Amino acid sequence: MGTNGEFHYSVYVILLDERIGTLPQMRLRNPNRDLSKPWVYVGLTPLRVGPRFDFRRATVKAEWRVQQFGIRLMPELYERMNPITYETALQTAKKLAEDLRAKGFGVVNGISAGTQSYRFVRPQQNRCSQQRNRLRQILQPLT
């Protein structure tokens, strides 16, 4: 088994605002959601999860769902699980997300189904490419 220093990861659950359910990609990923159950985010962190846990700073900067819709922690769903090792935290977070989804919760993160991304990613073009494409569109009818 590991030493005490290895057991420093924590799984946590964040209650999300119901407005997140208005996003089509969230409804698509939770087709069997029970409307009486809330939307939640399941994550893991090397930081201690406590009453003063600032989940907006503990999550990746790109985690827009927590930034925009996070309300509060739900310790009743994760307290008994922490602290654990990193590998165990990954497995635990995945299982917890799957279990909550099976119970009808709306789980909006990608832990339970591998590497999901809900963001629509549009390829970025630099300014020169945009201008070149615009000129092609303008000049094409002339040729």
N, C-alpha and C. Protein backbone atom coordinates (compact mmCIF):
# COMPACT_ATOMS: atom_id res chain seq x y z
N MET A 1 0.84 -1.19 0.00
CA MET A 1 0.00 0.00 0.00
C MET A 1 0.88 1.24 0.00
N GLY A 2 0.26 2.40 -0.18
CA GLY A 2 1.01 3.64 -0.26
C GLY A 2 1.25 4.25 1.10
N THR A 3 2.12 5.21 1.09
CA THR A 3 2.39 5.94 2.33
C THR A 3 1.30 6.98 2.53
N ASN A 4 1.29 7.56 3.70
CA ASN A 4 0.27 8.55 4.02
C ASN A 4 0.33 9.74 3.07
N GLY A 5 1.53 10.09 2.56
CA GLY A 5 1.67 11.23 1.67
C GLY A 5 1.00 11.02 0.32
N GLU A 6 0.78 9.77 -0.08
CA GLU A 6 0.15 9.49 -1.37
C GLU A 6 -1.36 9.70 -1.33
N PHE A 7 -1.95 9.68 -0.16
CA PHE A 7 -3.40 9.80 -0.02
C PHE A 7 -3.79 11.26 0.13
N HIS A 8 -3.61 12.03 -0.93
CA HIS A 8 -3.94 13.44 -0.81
C HIS A 8 -4.88 13.94 -1.90
N TYR A 9 -5.48 13.05 -2.67
CA TYR A 9 -6.47 13.46 -3.66
C TYR A 9 -7.87 13.32 -3.09
N SER A 10 -8.76 14.16 -3.60
CA SER A 10 -10.14 14.15 -3.14
C SER A 10 -11.09 14.21 -4.32
N VAL A 11 -12.17 13.48 -4.23
CA VAL A 11 -13.27 13.54 -5.19
C VAL A 11 -14.30 14.50 -4.61
N TYR A 12 -14.93 15.29 -5.45
CA TYR A 12 -15.94 16.22 -4.97
C TYR A 12 -17.09 16.31 -5.97
N VAL A 13 -18.23 16.81 -5.49
CA VAL A 13 -19.42 16.98 -6.32
C VAL A 13 -19.90 18.41 -6.12
N ILE A 14 -20.19 19.09 -7.23
CA ILE A 14 -20.69 20.46 -7.19
C ILE A 14 -22.11 20.49 -7.73
N LEU A 15 -23.00 21.11 -6.98
CA LEU A 15 -24.36 21.34 -7.44
C LEU A 15 -24.33 22.45 -8.49
N LEU A 16 -24.98 22.23 -9.62
CA LEU A 16 -25.01 23.22 -10.69
C LEU A 16 -26.40 23.83 -10.83
N ASP A 17 -26.43 25.03 -11.33
CA ASP A 17 -27.69 25.73 -11.58
C ASP A 17 -28.50 24.98 -12.64
N GLU A 18 -29.79 24.95 -12.48
CA GLU A 18 -30.68 24.25 -13.43
C GLU A 18 -30.60 24.82 -14.84
N ARG A 19 -30.14 26.06 -14.97
CA ARG A 19 -30.04 26.68 -16.31
C ARG A 19 -29.11 25.91 -17.23
N ILE A 20 -28.19 25.12 -16.68
CA ILE A 20 -27.29 24.35 -17.52
C ILE A 20 -28.07 23.32 -18.35
N GLY A 21 -29.24 22.93 -17.87
CA GLY A 21 -30.08 21.99 -18.59
C GLY A 21 -30.69 22.56 -19.85
N THR A 22 -30.59 23.86 -20.05
CA THR A 22 -31.10 24.46 -21.28
C THR A 22 -30.13 24.26 -22.45
N LEU A 23 -28.90 23.86 -22.15
CA LEU A 23 -27.93 23.62 -23.22
C LEU A 23 -28.20 22.27 -23.87
N PRO A 24 -28.36 22.24 -25.18
CA PRO A 24 -28.70 20.98 -25.86
C PRO A 24 -27.69 19.86 -25.62
N GLN A 25 -26.40 20.18 -25.56
CA GLN A 25 -25.40 19.13 -25.38
C GLN A 25 -25.53 18.48 -24.01
N MET A 26 -26.02 19.19 -23.01
CA MET A 26 -26.19 18.61 -21.69
C MET A 26 -27.37 17.64 -21.67
N ARG A 27 -28.46 18.04 -22.32
CA ARG A 27 -29.62 17.14 -22.40
C ARG A 27 -29.28 15.91 -23.23
N LEU A 28 -28.49 16.09 -24.27
CA LEU A 28 -28.11 14.98 -25.13
C LEU A 28 -27.29 13.94 -24.38
N ARG A 29 -26.41 14.39 -23.49
CA ARG A 29 -25.55 13.48 -22.74
C ARG A 29 -26.24 12.87 -21.52
N ASN A 30 -27.43 13.35 -21.20
CA ASN A 30 -28.18 12.83 -20.05
C ASN A 30 -29.62 12.54 -20.46
N PRO A 31 -29.83 11.61 -21.40
CA PRO A 31 -31.18 11.38 -21.91
C PRO A 31 -32.15 10.80 -20.88
N ASN A 32 -31.64 10.13 -19.85
CA ASN A 32 -32.50 9.49 -18.85
C ASN A 32 -32.55 10.28 -17.55
N ARG A 33 -32.29 11.56 -17.62
CA ARG A 33 -32.27 12.38 -16.41
C ARG A 33 -33.66 12.48 -15.79
N ASP A 34 -33.70 12.31 -14.47
CA ASP A 34 -34.92 12.48 -13.70
C ASP A 34 -35.03 13.98 -13.37
N LEU A 35 -36.12 14.60 -13.79
CA LEU A 35 -36.26 16.05 -13.61
C LEU A 35 -36.29 16.48 -12.15
N SER A 36 -36.53 15.54 -11.24
CA SER A 36 -36.54 15.88 -9.82
C SER A 36 -35.12 15.89 -9.23
N LYS A 37 -34.13 15.39 -9.99
CA LYS A 37 -32.74 15.33 -9.52
C LYS A 37 -31.96 16.52 -10.09
N PRO A 38 -30.98 17.02 -9.36
CA PRO A 38 -30.24 18.18 -9.83
C PRO A 38 -29.13 17.84 -10.84
N TRP A 39 -28.56 18.87 -11.43
CA TRP A 39 -27.39 18.76 -12.28
C TRP A 39 -26.17 18.85 -11.37
N VAL A 40 -25.17 18.00 -11.60
CA VAL A 40 -23.97 18.00 -10.77
C VAL A 40 -22.72 17.88 -11.64
N TYR A 41 -21.61 18.30 -11.07
CA TYR A 41 -20.29 18.15 -11.67
C TYR A 41 -19.47 17.29 -10.72
N VAL A 42 -18.86 16.23 -11.22
CA VAL A 42 -18.00 15.37 -10.40
C VAL A 42 -16.57 15.64 -10.82
N GLY A 43 -15.72 15.95 -9.85
CA GLY A 43 -14.32 16.23 -10.15
C GLY A 43 -13.40 15.67 -9.10
N LEU A 44 -12.10 15.85 -9.33
CA LEU A 44 -11.11 15.45 -8.34
C LEU A 44 -10.05 16.53 -8.25
N THR A 45 -9.42 16.59 -7.10
CA THR A 45 -8.45 17.65 -6.85
C THR A 45 -7.37 17.16 -5.89
N PRO A 46 -6.14 17.68 -6.02
CA PRO A 46 -5.12 17.37 -5.03
C PRO A 46 -5.27 18.24 -3.78
N LEU A 47 -6.17 19.21 -3.81
CA LEU A 47 -6.41 20.09 -2.67
C LEU A 47 -7.41 19.45 -1.72
N ARG A 48 -7.39 19.90 -0.48
CA ARG A 48 -8.39 19.41 0.47
C ARG A 48 -9.73 20.04 0.15
N VAL A 49 -10.77 19.24 0.24
CA VAL A 49 -12.12 19.74 0.01
C VAL A 49 -12.71 20.04 1.37
N GLY A 50 -13.14 21.26 1.56
CA GLY A 50 -13.68 21.65 2.85
C GLY A 50 -14.72 22.73 2.69
N PRO A 51 -15.20 23.24 3.82
CA PRO A 51 -16.25 24.25 3.76
C PRO A 51 -15.80 25.52 3.03
N ARG A 52 -14.52 25.80 3.00
CA ARG A 52 -14.04 27.01 2.35
C ARG A 52 -13.44 26.71 0.98
N PHE A 53 -13.74 25.55 0.44
CA PHE A 53 -13.20 25.14 -0.85
C PHE A 53 -13.74 26.03 -1.96
N ASP A 54 -12.82 26.67 -2.66
CA ASP A 54 -13.21 27.53 -3.78
C ASP A 54 -13.14 26.69 -5.05
N PHE A 55 -14.24 26.06 -5.43
CA PHE A 55 -14.22 25.14 -6.55
C PHE A 55 -13.92 25.83 -7.87
N ARG A 56 -14.11 27.11 -7.94
CA ARG A 56 -13.81 27.81 -9.19
C ARG A 56 -12.31 27.89 -9.43
N ARG A 57 -11.52 27.87 -8.39
CA ARG A 57 -10.06 27.91 -8.55
C ARG A 57 -9.47 26.51 -8.60
N ALA A 58 -10.13 25.54 -8.03
CA ALA A 58 -9.58 24.19 -7.97
C ALA A 58 -9.77 23.43 -9.28
N THR A 59 -10.68 23.88 -10.12
CA THR A 59 -10.90 23.21 -11.38
C THR A 59 -10.05 23.85 -12.47
N VAL A 60 -9.91 23.16 -13.56
CA VAL A 60 -9.13 23.67 -14.68
C VAL A 60 -9.75 24.97 -15.17
N LYS A 61 -8.92 25.91 -15.59
CA LYS A 61 -9.44 27.20 -16.04
C LYS A 61 -10.46 27.06 -17.15
N ALA A 62 -10.32 26.04 -17.98
CA ALA A 62 -11.23 25.85 -19.10
C ALA A 62 -12.57 25.24 -18.68
N GLU A 63 -12.75 24.94 -17.40
CA GLU A 63 -14.00 24.31 -16.96
C GLU A 63 -15.09 25.35 -16.83
N TRP A 64 -15.67 25.71 -17.94
CA TRP A 64 -16.66 26.77 -18.01
C TRP A 64 -17.97 26.40 -17.33
N ARG A 65 -18.29 25.11 -17.28
CA ARG A 65 -19.55 24.71 -16.66
C ARG A 65 -19.56 25.03 -15.17
N VAL A 66 -18.45 24.81 -14.51
CA VAL A 66 -18.35 25.11 -13.08
C VAL A 66 -18.28 26.63 -12.89
N GLN A 67 -17.52 27.29 -13.74
CA GLN A 67 -17.38 28.74 -13.63
C GLN A 67 -18.75 29.44 -13.74
N GLN A 68 -19.54 29.03 -14.72
CA GLN A 68 -20.80 29.72 -14.98
C GLN A 68 -21.99 29.21 -14.16
N PHE A 69 -21.99 27.93 -13.81
CA PHE A 69 -23.18 27.35 -13.22
C PHE A 69 -23.00 26.78 -11.81
N GLY A 70 -21.77 26.80 -11.27
CA GLY A 70 -21.52 26.22 -9.94
C GLY A 70 -22.25 26.97 -8.85
N ILE A 71 -22.89 26.23 -7.94
CA ILE A 71 -23.62 26.84 -6.82
C ILE A 71 -22.92 26.53 -5.50
N ARG A 72 -22.76 25.24 -5.20
CA ARG A 72 -22.14 24.87 -3.93
C ARG A 72 -21.66 23.43 -4.00
N LEU A 73 -20.83 23.07 -3.04
CA LEU A 73 -20.39 21.68 -2.92
C LEU A 73 -21.52 20.84 -2.33
N MET A 74 -21.50 19.54 -2.64
CA MET A 74 -22.48 18.61 -2.09
C MET A 74 -21.74 17.52 -1.32
N PRO A 75 -21.22 17.83 -0.12
CA PRO A 75 -20.39 16.89 0.63
C PRO A 75 -21.10 15.59 0.98
N GLU A 76 -22.42 15.62 1.04
CA GLU A 76 -23.15 14.40 1.37
C GLU A 76 -22.95 13.30 0.33
N LEU A 77 -22.48 13.66 -0.87
CA LEU A 77 -22.27 12.67 -1.93
C LEU A 77 -20.82 12.17 -2.03
N TYR A 78 -19.88 12.82 -1.33
CA TYR A 78 -18.47 12.42 -1.50
C TYR A 78 -17.66 12.33 -0.22
N GLU A 79 -18.15 12.82 0.90
CA GLU A 79 -17.36 12.93 2.13
C GLU A 79 -16.66 11.64 2.55
N ARG A 80 -17.36 10.55 2.47
CA ARG A 80 -16.82 9.28 2.97
C ARG A 80 -15.69 8.72 2.12
N MET A 81 -15.44 9.29 0.96
CA MET A 81 -14.47 8.74 0.01
C MET A 81 -13.05 9.30 0.16
N ASN A 82 -12.87 10.41 0.79
CA ASN A 82 -11.59 11.12 0.77
C ASN A 82 -10.81 10.97 2.07
N PRO A 83 -9.49 11.12 2.06
CA PRO A 83 -8.55 11.29 0.93
C PRO A 83 -8.16 9.93 0.35
N ILE A 84 -7.74 9.96 -0.92
CA ILE A 84 -7.36 8.74 -1.64
C ILE A 84 -6.19 9.03 -2.57
N THR A 85 -5.64 7.99 -3.16
CA THR A 85 -4.53 8.16 -4.11
C THR A 85 -5.08 8.66 -5.44
N TYR A 86 -4.20 9.13 -6.31
CA TYR A 86 -4.61 9.67 -7.61
C TYR A 86 -5.33 8.61 -8.45
N GLU A 87 -4.75 7.42 -8.55
CA GLU A 87 -5.35 6.36 -9.37
C GLU A 87 -6.73 5.98 -8.82
N THR A 88 -6.83 5.88 -7.52
CA THR A 88 -8.11 5.55 -6.90
C THR A 88 -9.11 6.69 -7.11
N ALA A 89 -8.64 7.93 -7.06
CA ALA A 89 -9.51 9.09 -7.27
C ALA A 89 -10.09 9.08 -8.68
N LEU A 90 -9.28 8.74 -9.67
CA LEU A 90 -9.79 8.66 -11.04
C LEU A 90 -10.90 7.62 -11.16
N GLN A 91 -10.65 6.44 -10.61
CA GLN A 91 -11.64 5.37 -10.67
C GLN A 91 -12.90 5.73 -9.87
N THR A 92 -12.70 6.32 -8.71
CA THR A 92 -13.82 6.68 -7.84
C THR A 92 -14.69 7.75 -8.49
N ALA A 93 -14.05 8.76 -9.07
CA ALA A 93 -14.80 9.84 -9.73
C ALA A 93 -15.60 9.29 -10.90
N LYS A 94 -15.01 8.41 -11.67
CA LYS A 94 -15.71 7.81 -12.81
C LYS A 94 -16.91 7.00 -12.34
N LYS A 95 -16.70 6.17 -11.31
CA LYS A 95 -17.80 5.34 -10.79
C LYS A 95 -18.90 6.20 -10.17
N LEU A 96 -18.51 7.23 -9.43
CA LEU A 96 -19.50 8.11 -8.81
C LEU A 96 -20.33 8.81 -9.88
N ALA A 97 -19.69 9.30 -10.93
CA ALA A 97 -20.42 9.96 -12.01
C ALA A 97 -21.38 8.99 -12.69
N GLU A 98 -20.94 7.78 -12.94
CA GLU A 98 -21.80 6.77 -13.55
C GLU A 98 -22.97 6.42 -12.64
N ASP A 99 -22.71 6.27 -11.34
CA ASP A 99 -23.77 5.94 -10.38
C ASP A 99 -24.80 7.07 -10.28
N LEU A 100 -24.32 8.30 -10.23
CA LEU A 100 -25.24 9.44 -10.14
C LEU A 100 -26.09 9.55 -11.41
N ARG A 101 -25.46 9.34 -12.55
CA ARG A 101 -26.20 9.38 -13.82
C ARG A 101 -27.25 8.26 -13.85
N ALA A 102 -26.90 7.08 -13.35
CA ALA A 102 -27.84 5.95 -13.31
C ALA A 102 -29.02 6.24 -12.38
N LYS A 103 -28.79 7.04 -11.33
CA LYS A 103 -29.85 7.40 -10.39
C LYS A 103 -30.72 8.55 -10.90
N GLY A 104 -30.36 9.12 -12.06
CA GLY A 104 -31.17 10.18 -12.64
C GLY A 104 -30.60 11.57 -12.53
N PHE A 105 -29.44 11.71 -11.90
CA PHE A 105 -28.80 13.02 -11.82
C PHE A 105 -28.33 13.42 -13.21
N GLY A 106 -28.28 14.71 -13.46
CA GLY A 106 -27.67 15.21 -14.68
C GLY A 106 -26.19 15.43 -14.40
N VAL A 107 -25.33 14.60 -14.98
CA VAL A 107 -23.89 14.70 -14.77
C VAL A 107 -23.31 15.32 -16.03
N VAL A 108 -22.74 16.51 -15.90
CA VAL A 108 -22.35 17.25 -17.10
C VAL A 108 -20.87 17.14 -17.46
N ASN A 109 -20.06 16.55 -16.61
CA ASN A 109 -18.65 16.44 -16.96
C ASN A 109 -18.38 15.15 -17.69
N GLY A 110 -17.15 14.98 -18.17
CA GLY A 110 -16.83 13.84 -19.00
C GLY A 110 -16.17 12.69 -18.28
N ILE A 111 -16.13 12.69 -16.96
CA ILE A 111 -15.42 11.64 -16.24
C ILE A 111 -16.03 10.27 -16.48
N SER A 112 -17.34 10.19 -16.55
CA SER A 112 -17.97 8.88 -16.64
C SER A 112 -17.90 8.24 -18.02
N ALA A 113 -17.62 9.00 -19.05
CA ALA A 113 -17.60 8.43 -20.40
C ALA A 113 -16.30 8.75 -21.12
N GLY A 114 -15.21 8.75 -20.42
CA GLY A 114 -13.92 9.02 -21.07
C GLY A 114 -13.69 10.50 -21.24
N THR A 115 -13.07 10.85 -22.33
CA THR A 115 -12.71 12.25 -22.54
C THR A 115 -13.75 12.93 -23.41
N GLN A 116 -14.81 13.40 -22.81
CA GLN A 116 -15.84 14.13 -23.53
C GLN A 116 -15.53 15.61 -23.45
N SER A 117 -15.93 16.32 -24.44
CA SER A 117 -15.84 17.76 -24.42
C SER A 117 -17.16 18.32 -24.88
N TYR A 118 -17.77 19.18 -24.08
CA TYR A 118 -19.06 19.74 -24.45
C TYR A 118 -18.92 21.05 -25.22
N ARG A 119 -17.73 21.59 -25.23
CA ARG A 119 -17.54 22.86 -25.92
C ARG A 119 -17.50 22.64 -27.42
N PHE A 120 -18.13 23.55 -28.13
CA PHE A 120 -18.05 23.53 -29.58
C PHE A 120 -16.76 24.23 -29.95
N VAL A 121 -15.89 23.52 -30.61
CA VAL A 121 -14.58 24.08 -30.96
C VAL A 121 -14.60 24.43 -32.43
N ARG A 122 -14.47 25.69 -32.72
CA ARG A 122 -14.41 26.17 -34.10
C ARG A 122 -12.95 26.39 -34.45
N PRO A 123 -12.49 25.89 -35.59
CA PRO A 123 -11.09 26.08 -35.94
C PRO A 123 -10.76 27.57 -36.07
N GLN A 124 -9.65 27.92 -35.49
CA GLN A 124 -9.22 29.31 -35.52
C GLN A 124 -8.43 29.58 -36.80
N GLN A 125 -8.72 30.67 -37.43
CA GLN A 125 -7.96 31.09 -38.60
C GLN A 125 -7.28 32.40 -38.25
N ASN A 126 -6.07 32.56 -38.77
CA ASN A 126 -5.42 33.84 -38.52
C ASN A 126 -6.01 34.89 -39.46
N ARG A 127 -5.69 36.12 -39.22
CA ARG A 127 -6.30 37.23 -39.96
C ARG A 127 -5.97 37.16 -41.45
N CYS A 128 -4.75 36.77 -41.80
CA CYS A 128 -4.37 36.67 -43.21
C CYS A 128 -5.20 35.62 -43.93
N SER A 129 -5.42 34.49 -43.29
CA SER A 129 -6.23 33.43 -43.90
C SER A 129 -7.66 33.90 -44.11
N GLN A 130 -8.18 34.62 -43.15
CA GLN A 130 -9.54 35.13 -43.28
C GLN A 130 -9.65 36.11 -44.44
N GLN A 131 -8.67 37.01 -44.57
CA GLN A 131 -8.69 37.97 -45.66
C GLN A 131 -8.53 37.28 -47.01
N ARG A 132 -7.66 36.30 -47.09
CA ARG A 132 -7.44 35.56 -48.32
C ARG A 132 -8.71 34.84 -48.76
N ASN A 133 -9.37 34.19 -47.82
CA ASN A 133 -10.62 33.50 -48.13
C ASN A 133 -11.70 34.48 -48.58
N ARG A 134 -11.75 35.64 -47.97
CA ARG A 134 -12.73 36.65 -48.35
C ARG A 134 -12.48 37.14 -49.78
N LEU A 135 -11.21 37.37 -50.11
CA LEU A 135 -10.87 37.80 -51.46
C LEU A 135 -11.23 36.73 -52.49
N ARG A 136 -11.00 35.48 -52.15
CA ARG A 136 -11.36 34.39 -53.06
C ARG A 136 -12.85 34.38 -53.34
N GLN A 137 -13.64 34.59 -52.30
CA GLN A 137 -15.09 34.60 -52.46
C GLN A 137 -15.53 35.76 -53.34
N ILE A 138 -14.87 36.89 -53.18
CA ILE A 138 -15.23 38.08 -53.96
C ILE A 138 -14.81 37.91 -55.42
N LEU A 139 -13.58 37.39 -55.62
CA LEU A 139 -13.04 37.30 -56.97
C LEU A 139 -13.55 36.10 -57.76
N GLN A 140 -14.05 35.09 -57.11
CA GLN A 140 -14.48 33.88 -57.80
C GLN A 140 -15.54 34.15 -58.87
N PRO A 141 -16.57 34.96 -58.61
CA PRO A 141 -17.56 35.22 -59.67
C PRO A 141 -16.97 35.94 -60.89
N LEU A 142 -15.84 36.63 -60.70
CA LEU A 142 -15.23 37.37 -61.80
C LEU A 142 -14.46 36.47 -62.75
N THR A 143 -14.06 35.30 -62.32
CA THR A 143 -13.26 34.42 -63.19
C THR A 143 -14.09 33.40 -63.90
